Protein backbone atom coordinates (compact mmCIF):
# COMPACT_ATOMS: atom_id res chain seq x y z
CA MET A 1 -5.06 -26.61 -31.94
CA PRO A 2 -8.33 -26.76 -30.41
CA LEU A 3 -8.81 -23.54 -27.56
CA THR A 4 -9.68 -26.10 -24.68
CA VAL A 5 -6.23 -27.98 -25.15
CA LEU A 6 -4.66 -24.01 -25.20
CA THR A 7 -6.25 -23.22 -22.31
CA SER A 8 -5.66 -26.50 -19.96
CA ALA A 9 -2.16 -25.94 -21.19
CA TYR A 10 -1.83 -22.00 -19.74
CA ARG A 11 -3.95 -23.46 -17.16
CA LEU A 12 -0.86 -26.11 -16.46
CA ARG A 13 1.92 -23.74 -16.96
CA SER A 14 0.79 -20.98 -14.58
CA LEU A 15 -0.14 -23.56 -11.98
CA CYS A 16 3.73 -24.94 -11.97
CA ARG A 17 5.10 -21.62 -12.04
CA LEU A 18 2.71 -20.89 -8.95
CA GLN A 19 3.94 -24.27 -7.84
CA ARG A 20 7.59 -23.04 -7.99
CA ILE A 21 6.56 -19.40 -6.81
CA GLN A 22 4.86 -21.17 -3.87
CA ALA A 23 7.60 -23.56 -3.03
CA HIS A 24 10.27 -20.54 -2.90
CA MET A 25 8.18 -18.61 -0.49
CA MET A 26 7.45 -21.26 1.78
CA SER A 27 11.23 -22.78 1.77
CA SER A 28 13.24 -22.79 4.45
CA HIS A 29 15.57 -20.21 3.79
CA ALA A 30 19.08 -19.41 5.72
CA GLU A 31 17.96 -16.13 6.01
CA PRO A 32 14.40 -15.70 7.82
CA GLU A 33 12.11 -13.07 5.93
CA VAL A 34 10.93 -11.79 8.68
CA LEU A 35 12.94 -11.05 12.22
CA LEU A 36 10.63 -10.62 15.12
CA GLU A 37 12.62 -9.72 18.47
CA LYS A 38 12.58 -8.28 22.04
CA VAL A 39 14.83 -5.73 22.70
CA GLY A 40 14.66 -5.00 26.04
CA ARG A 41 10.47 -4.09 26.33
CA ALA A 42 10.40 -3.07 22.67
CA GLY A 43 9.09 -5.73 19.92
CA VAL A 44 11.22 -5.06 16.67
CA ILE A 45 9.89 -6.63 13.23
CA THR A 46 12.51 -6.37 10.48
CA MET A 47 11.04 -7.45 6.91
CA ASN A 48 14.22 -9.14 5.92
CA ARG A 49 13.83 -9.98 1.78
CA PRO A 50 16.42 -6.87 1.26
CA LYS A 51 16.80 -8.29 -2.39
CA VAL A 52 13.05 -7.86 -3.69
CA LEU A 53 12.94 -4.79 -1.43
CA ASN A 54 11.40 -6.54 1.60
CA ALA A 55 8.14 -7.08 -0.34
CA LEU A 56 5.37 -8.79 2.11
CA ASN A 57 4.40 -12.08 1.47
CA LEU A 58 1.83 -15.02 3.07
CA THR A 59 4.34 -16.51 4.78
CA MET A 60 5.70 -13.23 6.47
CA ILE A 61 2.05 -11.51 6.87
CA ARG A 62 1.65 -14.87 8.73
CA GLN A 63 4.11 -14.51 11.15
CA ILE A 64 3.50 -11.17 11.82
CA TYR A 65 0.66 -11.03 12.71
CA PRO A 66 0.32 -13.18 15.81
CA GLN A 67 3.30 -11.70 17.29
CA LEU A 68 1.82 -8.19 17.34
CA LYS A 69 -1.15 -9.75 18.89
CA LYS A 70 1.28 -11.68 21.24
CA TRP A 71 3.35 -8.43 21.85
CA GLU A 72 0.11 -6.48 22.32
CA SER A 73 -1.19 -8.56 25.98
CA ASP A 74 2.63 -9.15 26.78
CA ASN A 75 2.65 -7.01 30.16
CA GLU A 76 7.17 -7.63 29.36
CA THR A 77 6.19 -5.34 26.07
CA ASP A 78 5.84 -1.49 25.89
CA ILE A 79 5.92 -0.50 22.37
CA VAL A 80 6.34 -2.10 18.84
CA ILE A 81 9.01 -0.94 16.35
CA ILE A 82 8.69 -1.74 12.43
CA LYS A 83 11.74 -1.76 10.06
CA GLY A 84 12.91 -3.05 6.69
CA ALA A 85 16.60 -4.44 6.10
CA GLY A 86 18.94 -3.73 3.81
CA ASP A 87 19.11 0.22 2.64
CA LYS A 88 16.59 1.04 0.30
CA ALA A 89 13.42 -0.24 0.89
CA PHE A 90 11.11 -0.10 4.23
CA CYS A 91 8.46 -2.48 1.94
CA ALA A 92 8.00 -1.82 -1.67
CA GLY A 93 4.82 -3.53 -1.31
CA GLY A 94 2.92 -7.16 -1.77
CA ASP A 95 4.29 -9.88 -3.60
CA ILE A 96 1.93 -9.40 -6.72
CA ARG A 97 3.43 -11.97 -9.32
CA ALA A 98 2.76 -14.61 -6.53
CA VAL A 99 -0.97 -13.54 -5.87
CA THR A 100 -1.01 -13.21 -9.97
CA GLU A 101 0.36 -16.66 -11.00
CA ALA A 102 -2.54 -17.93 -8.22
CA GLY A 103 -5.36 -15.66 -9.12
CA LYS A 104 -4.93 -16.95 -13.02
CA VAL A 105 -5.36 -21.09 -11.64
CA GLY A 106 -8.20 -20.51 -8.91
CA ASP A 107 -5.40 -21.25 -6.16
CA SER A 108 -6.50 -20.02 -2.96
CA LEU A 109 -3.47 -17.61 -2.27
CA ALA A 110 -5.44 -15.10 -4.05
CA GLN A 111 -7.67 -14.78 -1.74
CA ASP A 112 -5.57 -15.62 1.48
CA PHE A 113 -3.01 -13.35 0.57
CA PHE A 114 -5.61 -10.25 0.83
CA ARG A 115 -7.58 -11.34 3.54
CA GLU A 116 -4.65 -12.09 5.56
CA GLU A 117 -3.11 -8.50 4.78
CA TYR A 118 -5.96 -6.71 5.30
CA ILE A 119 -6.79 -8.65 9.11
CA LEU A 120 -2.92 -7.73 9.80
CA ASN A 121 -3.98 -3.88 8.24
CA ASN A 122 -6.64 -3.90 10.59
CA ALA A 123 -4.65 -5.12 14.02
CA ILE A 124 -2.08 -2.20 13.58
CA GLY A 125 -4.73 0.66 13.06
CA SER A 126 -6.30 -0.97 16.48
CA TYR A 127 -2.78 -1.60 18.36
CA ARG A 128 -3.61 -0.37 22.08
CA LYS A 129 0.67 0.07 22.21
CA PRO A 130 2.75 2.37 20.55
CA TYR A 131 3.23 1.55 17.31
CA ILE A 132 6.34 2.93 15.43
CA ALA A 133 7.13 2.72 11.65
CA LEU A 134 10.55 3.89 10.25
CA ILE A 135 9.79 4.07 6.79
CA ASP A 136 13.25 4.67 5.93
CA GLY A 137 13.31 3.77 2.16
CA ILE A 138 11.00 2.69 -0.48
CA THR A 139 7.13 2.42 1.07
CA MET A 140 4.34 1.45 -1.43
CA GLY A 141 1.14 -0.22 -1.56
CA GLY A 142 1.60 -3.14 0.95
CA GLY A 143 4.42 -1.24 2.28
CA VAL A 144 2.01 1.67 3.02
CA GLY A 145 -0.95 -0.66 5.01
CA LEU A 146 1.88 -1.91 7.52
CA SER A 147 2.85 1.43 8.55
CA VAL A 148 0.21 3.83 7.61
CA HIS A 149 -2.34 2.68 10.15
CA GLY A 150 -0.31 2.54 13.09
CA ARG A 151 0.20 5.51 16.04
CA PHE A 152 3.80 7.08 14.25
CA ARG A 153 5.53 7.05 10.80
CA VAL A 154 9.04 8.31 10.51
CA ALA A 155 9.90 9.50 7.05
CA THR A 156 13.44 9.95 6.21
CA GLU A 157 15.38 11.92 3.27
CA LYS A 158 15.31 8.19 1.65
CA THR A 159 11.41 7.72 1.78
CA LEU A 160 9.79 6.98 -1.07
CA PHE A 161 6.08 6.67 -0.87
CA ALA A 162 3.26 5.96 -3.21
CA MET A 163 0.39 4.39 -4.04
CA PRO A 164 0.64 2.64 -7.94
CA GLU A 165 -1.69 0.40 -8.16
CA THR A 166 -3.90 1.88 -10.74
CA ALA A 167 -1.17 1.31 -12.91
CA ILE A 168 -1.24 -2.44 -12.75
CA GLY A 169 -5.29 -2.83 -12.74
CA LEU A 170 -5.19 -2.97 -9.18
CA PHE A 171 -6.91 -0.41 -6.61
CA PRO A 172 -5.14 2.10 -3.60
CA ASP A 173 -6.09 -1.19 -1.42
CA VAL A 174 -4.36 -1.62 1.84
CA GLY A 175 -6.53 1.04 3.81
CA GLY A 176 -6.22 3.52 0.76
CA GLY A 177 -9.90 3.93 0.75
CA TYR A 178 -9.46 5.45 4.68
CA PHE A 179 -6.52 6.99 4.94
CA LEU A 180 -5.98 8.90 1.23
CA PRO A 181 -9.85 10.76 1.92
CA ARG A 182 -8.76 12.02 4.99
CA LEU A 183 -5.19 13.64 3.61
CA GLN A 184 -5.82 17.84 3.13
CA GLY A 185 -8.32 18.63 0.23
CA LYS A 186 -8.05 16.20 -2.62
CA LEU A 187 -4.77 15.08 -2.37
CA GLY A 188 -5.67 11.84 -1.42
CA LEU A 189 -7.81 10.78 -4.24
CA PHE A 190 -4.63 12.61 -6.35
CA LEU A 191 -2.35 10.35 -5.19
CA ALA A 192 -4.98 7.18 -5.26
CA LEU A 193 -5.42 7.81 -9.31
CA THR A 194 -1.95 8.92 -10.52
CA GLY A 195 0.08 7.14 -8.21
CA PHE A 196 2.54 10.43 -7.75
CA ARG A 197 5.85 9.64 -5.73
CA LEU A 198 6.59 11.42 -2.51
CA LYS A 199 9.58 11.80 -1.48
CA GLY A 200 11.57 12.62 2.33
CA ARG A 201 10.14 15.63 4.15
CA ASP A 202 7.10 15.65 1.38
CA VAL A 203 5.85 12.57 3.01
CA GLN A 204 5.22 14.45 6.22
CA ARG A 205 3.76 17.05 4.53
CA ALA A 206 1.17 15.08 3.14
CA GLY A 207 0.32 13.85 6.35
CA VAL A 208 1.19 10.21 5.37
CA ALA A 209 4.25 9.98 7.44
CA THR A 210 4.07 11.71 10.93
CA HIS A 211 7.66 12.61 11.42
CA PHE A 212 10.56 13.80 9.82
CA VAL A 213 14.12 12.56 10.74
CA GLU A 214 17.04 12.35 9.42
CA SER A 215 18.05 8.63 8.01
CA LYS A 216 21.93 8.44 9.99
CA LYS A 217 19.79 9.63 12.97
CA ILE A 218 17.71 6.23 12.71
CA PRO A 219 19.77 3.89 14.67
CA ASP A 220 20.42 6.24 17.79
CA LEU A 221 16.51 6.78 17.96
CA GLN A 222 15.48 3.26 17.94
CA LYS A 223 18.16 3.06 20.57
CA GLU A 224 16.44 6.50 22.86
CA LEU A 225 13.04 4.36 21.80
CA VAL A 226 13.92 0.84 22.89
CA ASP A 227 15.38 2.26 26.23
CA LEU A 228 12.55 4.18 27.19
CA LYS A 229 11.01 2.44 30.76
CA SER A 230 6.87 1.70 30.75
CA PRO A 231 6.67 4.71 27.73
CA SER A 232 3.07 6.34 27.28
CA ALA A 233 2.42 7.40 23.08
CA GLU A 234 3.22 10.71 24.35
CA ASP A 235 6.64 9.73 25.76
CA VAL A 236 7.31 8.00 22.33
CA SER A 237 5.85 11.11 20.77
CA ARG A 238 8.08 13.93 22.97
CA VAL A 239 11.40 11.73 21.57
CA LEU A 240 9.95 11.19 18.13
CA ASP A 241 9.46 15.37 18.39
CA SER A 242 13.14 16.04 19.71
CA TYR A 243 14.58 14.10 16.38
CA GLN A 244 12.33 15.57 13.92
CA SER A 245 13.56 18.99 15.97
CA GLN A 246 17.43 18.05 15.39
CA SER A 247 16.77 17.17 11.77
CA SER A 248 16.86 20.29 9.31
CA LEU A 249 17.95 18.76 6.04
CA ASP A 250 15.37 20.14 3.12
CA ALA A 251 13.63 21.87 5.68
CA GLU A 252 14.12 25.06 3.38
CA LYS A 253 12.98 23.61 0.40
CA PRO A 254 8.73 23.34 -0.33
CA PHE A 255 6.32 20.78 -0.63
CA ILE A 256 7.04 19.80 -4.10
CA LEU A 257 2.80 19.92 -4.53
CA LYS A 258 2.25 23.22 -2.84
CA LYS A 259 1.62 25.53 -5.43
CA HIS A 260 -0.43 22.94 -6.88
CA LEU A 261 -2.95 22.17 -3.68
CA SER A 262 -5.64 24.49 -4.73
CA ASP A 263 -5.26 23.69 -8.93
CA ILE A 264 -5.63 19.51 -7.43
CA ASP A 265 -8.83 20.61 -5.02
CA ARG A 266 -10.77 22.13 -7.75
CA LEU A 267 -9.57 19.53 -10.60
CA PHE A 268 -10.35 16.52 -8.85
CA SER A 269 -13.44 18.09 -7.00
CA ALA A 270 -15.81 16.78 -10.15
CA SER A 271 -17.57 13.16 -8.90
CA SER A 272 -16.61 11.17 -12.03
CA VAL A 273 -13.05 10.10 -13.55
CA GLU A 274 -14.61 11.73 -16.64
CA GLY A 275 -15.36 14.53 -15.03
CA ILE A 276 -11.48 15.13 -13.86
CA VAL A 277 -10.05 14.37 -16.87
CA LYS A 278 -12.67 16.70 -18.60
CA ASN A 279 -11.78 19.13 -15.78
CA LEU A 280 -7.90 19.21 -16.83
CA LYS A 281 -8.39 19.16 -20.41
CA THR A 282 -10.01 22.47 -19.92
CA ASP A 283 -7.28 24.12 -17.84
CA GLY A 284 -4.36 22.93 -19.98
CA SER A 285 -1.65 24.31 -17.60
CA GLU A 286 1.77 22.14 -18.02
CA PHE A 287 0.53 20.51 -14.50
CA ALA A 288 -2.94 19.98 -16.12
CA LYS A 289 -1.40 18.18 -19.06
CA LYS A 290 1.07 16.07 -17.29
CA GLN A 291 -1.86 14.36 -14.92
CA THR A 292 -4.42 14.25 -18.18
CA GLU A 293 -1.02 11.62 -19.98
CA THR A 294 -0.66 9.93 -16.27
CA LEU A 295 -4.49 9.22 -16.06
CA SER A 296 -4.55 7.73 -19.52
CA LYS A 297 -2.02 5.03 -19.01
CA MET A 298 -3.86 4.17 -16.12
CA SER A 299 -6.58 1.00 -16.33
CA PRO A 300 -9.82 2.72 -17.01
CA THR A 301 -11.79 0.15 -14.86
CA SER A 302 -9.28 0.69 -12.14
CA LEU A 303 -9.71 4.92 -12.30
CA LYS A 304 -13.37 4.64 -11.39
CA ILE A 305 -13.26 1.71 -8.65
CA THR A 306 -10.27 3.28 -6.94
CA LEU A 307 -12.36 6.94 -7.09
CA LYS A 308 -16.35 5.18 -5.93
CA GLN A 309 -13.82 3.38 -3.41
CA LEU A 310 -12.12 6.94 -1.81
CA GLN A 311 -15.86 8.45 -1.87
CA ALA A 312 -17.53 5.67 0.26
CA GLY A 313 -14.12 5.26 2.49
CA ALA A 314 -14.58 8.81 3.57
CA SER A 315 -17.23 8.36 5.95
CA LEU A 316 -16.23 4.68 7.11
CA SER A 317 -14.25 3.02 9.32
CA LEU A 318 -10.82 1.63 9.42
CA GLN A 319 -12.65 -2.04 8.69
CA ASP A 320 -15.78 -0.93 7.28
CA VAL A 321 -13.02 0.37 4.20
CA LEU A 322 -11.16 -3.09 4.13
CA VAL A 323 -14.49 -5.38 3.93
CA MET A 324 -15.23 -2.78 1.41
CA GLU A 325 -11.22 -3.34 -0.11
CA TYR A 326 -11.30 -7.12 0.54
CA ARG A 327 -14.74 -7.52 -2.43
CA LEU A 328 -12.54 -5.15 -4.66
CA SER A 329 -9.71 -7.47 -4.70
CA GLN A 330 -11.75 -10.41 -5.29
CA ALA A 331 -13.61 -8.51 -8.06
CA CYS A 332 -10.02 -7.92 -9.36
CA MET A 333 -9.42 -11.25 -9.28
CA ARG A 334 -11.75 -12.36 -11.43
CA GLY A 335 -10.95 -9.87 -14.00
CA TYR A 336 -8.93 -9.03 -16.85
CA ASP A 337 -6.81 -5.99 -15.74
CA PHE A 338 -4.70 -7.03 -12.92
CA TYR A 339 -3.43 -9.83 -14.96
CA GLU A 340 -2.85 -7.52 -17.98
CA GLY A 341 -1.33 -4.97 -15.78
CA VAL A 342 0.70 -6.84 -14.03
CA ARG A 343 2.08 -8.46 -17.07
CA ALA A 344 2.88 -4.76 -18.88
CA VAL A 345 4.66 -3.76 -15.71
CA LEU A 346 6.17 -6.59 -13.78
CA VAL A 347 6.84 -9.24 -16.30
CA ASP A 348 7.43 -8.55 -19.25
CA LYS A 349 8.46 -5.09 -18.31
CA ASP A 350 7.16 -3.63 -22.10
CA GLN A 351 4.54 -0.76 -20.00
CA ASN A 352 2.43 -1.24 -22.42
CA PRO A 353 -1.36 -2.43 -21.18
CA LYS A 354 -3.85 -3.16 -23.28
CA TRP A 355 -6.99 -2.19 -20.81
CA ASN A 356 -10.27 -3.81 -21.22
CA PRO A 357 -12.35 -2.00 -21.53
CA SER A 358 -9.82 0.10 -22.50
CA THR A 359 -11.88 3.62 -22.25
CA LEU A 360 -13.59 5.39 -19.27
CA GLU A 361 -16.80 5.72 -21.31
CA GLU A 362 -17.09 1.68 -21.90
CA VAL A 363 -16.88 0.68 -17.93
CA SER A 364 -20.39 1.58 -17.08
CA ASP A 365 -21.84 2.23 -13.45
CA GLN A 366 -22.89 -0.65 -13.39
CA MET A 367 -19.85 -3.05 -13.75
CA VAL A 368 -18.32 -0.63 -11.06
CA GLU A 369 -21.66 -1.43 -8.67
CA GLN A 370 -20.55 -4.92 -9.02
CA CYS A 371 -16.82 -4.70 -7.82
CA PHE A 372 -18.88 -3.50 -4.69
CA SER A 373 -20.83 -6.26 -3.88
CA SER A 374 -20.89 -8.37 -1.26
CA LEU A 375 -19.21 -12.19 -1.40
CA GLY A 376 -21.96 -13.37 1.23
CA GLU A 377 -20.13 -15.76 3.52
CA LYS A 378 -17.13 -15.18 1.83
CA ASP A 379 -17.04 -11.60 2.74
CA LEU A 380 -13.99 -9.81 5.22
CA THR A 381 -15.02 -10.66 9.11
CA LEU A 382 -12.93 -8.68 10.85
């Protein structure tokens, strides 16, 4: 069969699959995908897709953003609380499969999703009223973008945080280039490159969450927040502090990375990914070996983009980081590794991606540089 026919058939299959996904995304479910409620003087957002771990899609973004802006200027609304439905997840990430299918056929969802998601991230980062994310469960990727830029992030023992994007040929976006380099030492770079998972109280110890409250206390905490009369950020802070002081669960357990923090700072301080890998191999400790093995499975292109993203993001505003990340998102849409990573991890689940280029050495500085190039009039504007 001629290659052109094969390519056309492939595009048609992808297009049909995309149309099915989009029809599903836009369909009127019996259950709305996001609940937007006024409870007293609080605006409450509940991501309501528990069967898919509250994965964030474009429909949800398009409901949350205008409501947030409305509440921000509404004199009857004092605070905003965001949470996830069900008992497993706050939000496990963006609806990446739909984006992949769109990218394959050049559908605009591959631009719209990232653009509108980042605009929402920026709105949260610059929100003028207390914004409280109750991250009681899995919080990854897009879920981190909905929480980490807000003033208050409350973790529980059920919180599982990660930025696992380098494993799927992407990069830690949604403002990862802003918040990750601002964590202690090289911790943010370590989390970004390896996708290391933090659980429970460690999410606060790392600086990702502002507070830790036991999961069973969250309903009472929410009620107390909602009942506050014209609260300032300090009033909200006092309530959160008081619930935290009543939460002793796992308090005696040390931070899981505590004994490795000085190693992380030393080993991840190289100015190139090759340098980091060399440091890890030379070190030879169990911890270093484990990280070498982890990095060897990640997309070489993603690793190099991510290092440069965090190096640049350390001195940029959140807005400038999001403009940079939008350029990177579109470079990934034009590339190969994102589609291959999603196939290997989320679709076929063989966990065996064939990256291209397959080694760090083959990813030239010029290739990395191109990913950061301006998109001209297609650049993100905030």
